[in-house]
Amino acid sequence: MRNRIYTVYLLLFAMFLMQSCGVMNTYKRPDMSVDTKFRGSLAIKDTSMVTYQWRSLFPDQILAGYIEEGLKYNTDYQIAKRSSDIAYAYLRQSKAAYAPSIG
């Protein structure tokens, strides 16, 4: 009797698993009409803020000193720089593995 109950539970569980595979329908992307002027009509500037140095944006010498001091002692910046240096060292090490070796 006990064996029959386990068999029924196992069958119910298997049917539940099979049913759960077909619950989700495949995603169909809706048709959206995008205006042709969305990206093409905007005038692109030749220069951006990336090309400027921060010293040219802030001509005040006292403010420039504060910014330099903030960059010098900024722990988040130091941690990010160290992480970048470590990642670069790992990159060089992994590239060196492709070099021929002796022995």
C-alpha atoms as a PDB file:
ATOM      1  CA  MET A   1       0.000   0.000   0.000  1.00  0.00           C
ATOM      2  CA  ARG A   2       2.779   2.376   0.929  1.00  0.00           C
ATOM      3  CA  ASN A   3       4.611   1.639  -2.290  1.00  0.00           C
ATOM      4  CA  ARG A   4       1.473   2.471  -4.274  1.00  0.00           C
ATOM      5  CA  ILE A   5       1.123   5.851  -2.492  1.00  0.00           C
ATOM      6  CA  TYR A   6       4.739   6.709  -3.298  1.00  0.00           C
ATOM      7  CA  THR A   7       4.120   5.757  -6.922  1.00  0.00           C
ATOM      8  CA  VAL A   8       1.058   8.024  -7.098  1.00  0.00           C
ATOM      9  CA  TYR A   9       2.985  10.901  -5.516  1.00  0.00           C
ATOM     10  CA  LEU A  10       5.869  10.342  -7.898  1.00  0.00           C
ATOM     11  CA  LEU A  11       3.495  10.362 -10.862  1.00  0.00           C
ATOM     12  CA  LEU A  12       1.807  13.549  -9.652  1.00  0.00           C
ATOM     13  CA  PHE A  13       5.180  15.197  -9.115  1.00  0.00           C
ATOM     14  CA  ALA A  14       6.340  14.168 -12.605  1.00  0.00           C
ATOM     15  CA  MET A  15       3.131  15.546 -14.138  1.00  0.00           C
ATOM     16  CA  PHE A  16       3.633  18.794 -12.213  1.00  0.00           C
ATOM     17  CA  LEU A  17       7.183  19.102 -13.525  1.00  0.00           C
ATOM     18  CA  MET A  18       6.061  18.462 -17.092  1.00  0.00           C
ATOM     19  CA  GLN A  19       3.299  21.046 -16.767  1.00  0.00           C
ATOM     20  CA  SER A  20       5.657  23.699 -15.399  1.00  0.00           C
ATOM     21  CA  CYS A  21       7.809  23.533 -18.527  1.00  0.00           C
ATOM     22  CA  GLY A  22       5.022  24.927 -20.702  1.00  0.00           C
ATOM     23  CA  VAL A  23       3.806  27.769 -18.476  1.00  0.00           C
ATOM     24  CA  MET A  24       5.678  30.594 -20.182  1.00  0.00           C
ATOM     25  CA  ASN A  25       4.835  31.738 -23.684  1.00  0.00           C
ATOM     26  CA  THR A  26       7.581  32.847 -26.007  1.00  0.00           C
ATOM     27  CA  TYR A  27       8.158  36.600 -25.968  1.00  0.00           C
ATOM     28  CA  LYS A  28       6.962  38.471 -29.015  1.00  0.00           C
ATOM     29  CA  ARG A  29       8.368  41.929 -29.433  1.00  0.00           C
ATOM     30  CA  PRO A  30       5.663  44.498 -30.142  1.00  0.00           C
ATOM     31  CA  ASP A  31       5.861  46.439 -33.375  1.00  0.00           C
ATOM     32  CA  MET A  32       6.910  50.011 -32.673  1.00  0.00           C
ATOM     33  CA  SER A  33       7.234  52.750 -35.212  1.00  0.00           C
ATOM     34  CA  VAL A  34      10.219  54.973 -34.545  1.00  0.00           C
ATOM     35  CA  ASP A  35      10.513  58.339 -36.197  1.00  0.00           C
ATOM     36  CA  THR A  36      13.361  58.457 -38.712  1.00  0.00           C
ATOM     37  CA  LYS A  37      14.537  61.734 -37.190  1.00  0.00           C
ATOM     38  CA  PHE A  38      15.110  60.065 -33.847  1.00  0.00           C
ATOM     39  CA  ARG A  39      18.895  60.034 -34.081  1.00  0.00           C
ATOM     40  CA  GLY A  40      19.739  61.351 -37.507  1.00  0.00           C
ATOM     41  CA  SER A  41      18.494  64.916 -37.304  1.00  0.00           C
ATOM     42  CA  LEU A  42      20.408  66.003 -34.228  1.00  0.00           C
ATOM     43  CA  ALA A  43      23.451  68.111 -34.910  1.00  0.00           C
ATOM     44  CA  ILE A  44      26.548  66.487 -33.459  1.00  0.00           C
ATOM     45  CA  LYS A  45      29.045  68.807 -31.843  1.00  0.00           C
ATOM     46  CA  ASP A  46      32.669  68.472 -32.826  1.00  0.00           C
ATOM     47  CA  THR A  47      33.834  68.816 -29.255  1.00  0.00           C
ATOM     48  CA  SER A  48      32.545  67.337 -26.042  1.00  0.00           C
ATOM     49  CA  MET A  49      33.338  67.749 -22.373  1.00  0.00           C
ATOM     50  CA  VAL A  50      35.727  64.812 -22.605  1.00  0.00           C
ATOM     51  CA  THR A  51      38.188  66.794 -24.713  1.00  0.00           C
ATOM     52  CA  TYR A  52      38.489  69.592 -22.160  1.00  0.00           C
ATOM     53  CA  GLN A  53      40.875  69.403 -19.247  1.00  0.00           C
ATOM     54  CA  TRP A  54      39.342  70.286 -15.906  1.00  0.00           C
ATOM     55  CA  ARG A  55      41.893  73.044 -15.381  1.00  0.00           C
ATOM     56  CA  SER A  56      40.503  74.974 -18.351  1.00  0.00           C
ATOM     57  CA  LEU A  57      36.977  74.738 -16.935  1.00  0.00           C
ATOM     58  CA  PHE A  58      37.953  76.110 -13.507  1.00  0.00           C
ATOM     59  CA  PRO A  59      40.442  78.982 -13.880  1.00  0.00           C
ATOM     60  CA  ASP A  60      40.407  79.820 -10.149  1.00  0.00           C
ATOM     61  CA  GLN A  61      43.753  78.734  -8.637  1.00  0.00           C
ATOM     62  CA  ILE A  62      42.358  78.143  -5.152  1.00  0.00           C
ATOM     63  CA  LEU A  63      39.618  75.903  -6.520  1.00  0.00           C
ATOM     64  CA  ALA A  64      42.173  74.082  -8.682  1.00  0.00           C
ATOM     65  CA  GLY A  65      44.267  73.463  -5.562  1.00  0.00           C
ATOM     66  CA  TYR A  66      41.261  72.044  -3.736  1.00  0.00           C
ATOM     67  CA  ILE A  67      40.447  69.781  -6.674  1.00  0.00           C
ATOM     68  CA  GLU A  68      44.029  68.531  -6.869  1.00  0.00           C
ATOM     69  CA  GLU A  69      44.078  67.857  -3.140  1.00  0.00           C
ATOM     70  CA  GLY A  70      40.750  66.043  -3.376  1.00  0.00           C
ATOM     71  CA  LEU A  71      42.025  63.872  -6.207  1.00  0.00           C
ATOM     72  CA  LYS A  72      45.247  63.178  -4.340  1.00  0.00           C
ATOM     73  CA  TYR A  73      43.572  61.983  -1.130  1.00  0.00           C
ATOM     74  CA  ASN A  74      40.388  60.466  -2.559  1.00  0.00           C
ATOM     75  CA  THR A  75      40.292  56.874  -1.297  1.00  0.00           C
ATOM     76  CA  ASP A  76      37.691  55.759  -3.834  1.00  0.00           C
ATOM     77  CA  TYR A  77      39.890  57.015  -6.645  1.00  0.00           C
ATOM     78  CA  GLN A  78      42.952  55.340  -5.132  1.00  0.00           C
ATOM     79  CA  ILE A  79      41.117  52.021  -4.755  1.00  0.00           C
ATOM     80  CA  ALA A  80      39.850  52.225  -8.335  1.00  0.00           C
ATOM     81  CA  LYS A  81      43.344  53.022  -9.613  1.00  0.00           C
ATOM     82  CA  ARG A  82      44.861  50.127  -7.673  1.00  0.00           C
ATOM     83  CA  SER A  83      42.164  47.774  -8.962  1.00  0.00           C
ATOM     84  CA  SER A  84      42.849  48.953 -12.489  1.00  0.00           C
ATOM     85  CA  ASP A  85      46.590  48.397 -11.992  1.00  0.00           C
ATOM     86  CA  ILE A  86      45.964  44.893 -10.656  1.00  0.00           C
ATOM     87  CA  ALA A  87      43.697  44.062 -13.598  1.00  0.00           C
ATOM     88  CA  TYR A  88      46.353  45.352 -16.005  1.00  0.00           C
ATOM     89  CA  ALA A  89      48.982  43.196 -14.277  1.00  0.00           C
ATOM     90  CA  TYR A  90      46.736  40.132 -14.645  1.00  0.00           C
ATOM     91  CA  LEU A  91      46.262  40.983 -18.306  1.00  0.00           C
ATOM     92  CA  ARG A  92      50.008  41.198 -18.891  1.00  0.00           C
ATOM     93  CA  GLN A  93      50.499  37.940 -16.993  1.00  0.00           C
ATOM     94  CA  SER A  94      47.888  36.115 -19.056  1.00  0.00           C
ATOM     95  CA  LYS A  95      49.374  37.471 -22.295  1.00  0.00           C
ATOM     96  CA  ALA A  96      52.813  36.325 -21.168  1.00  0.00           C
ATOM     97  CA  ALA A  97      51.479  32.778 -20.887  1.00  0.00           C
ATOM     98  CA  TYR A  98      51.216  32.683 -24.694  1.00  0.00           C
ATOM     99  CA  ALA A  99      54.919  33.405 -25.066  1.00  0.00           C
ATOM    100  CA  PRO A 100      57.195  30.465 -25.686  1.00  0.00           C
ATOM    101  CA  SER A 101      58.971  29.073 -22.667  1.00  0.00           C
ATOM    102  CA  ILE A 102      62.046  26.928 -22.112  1.00  0.00           C
ATOM    103  CA  GLY A 103      61.809  23.710 -20.173  1.00  0.00           C
END
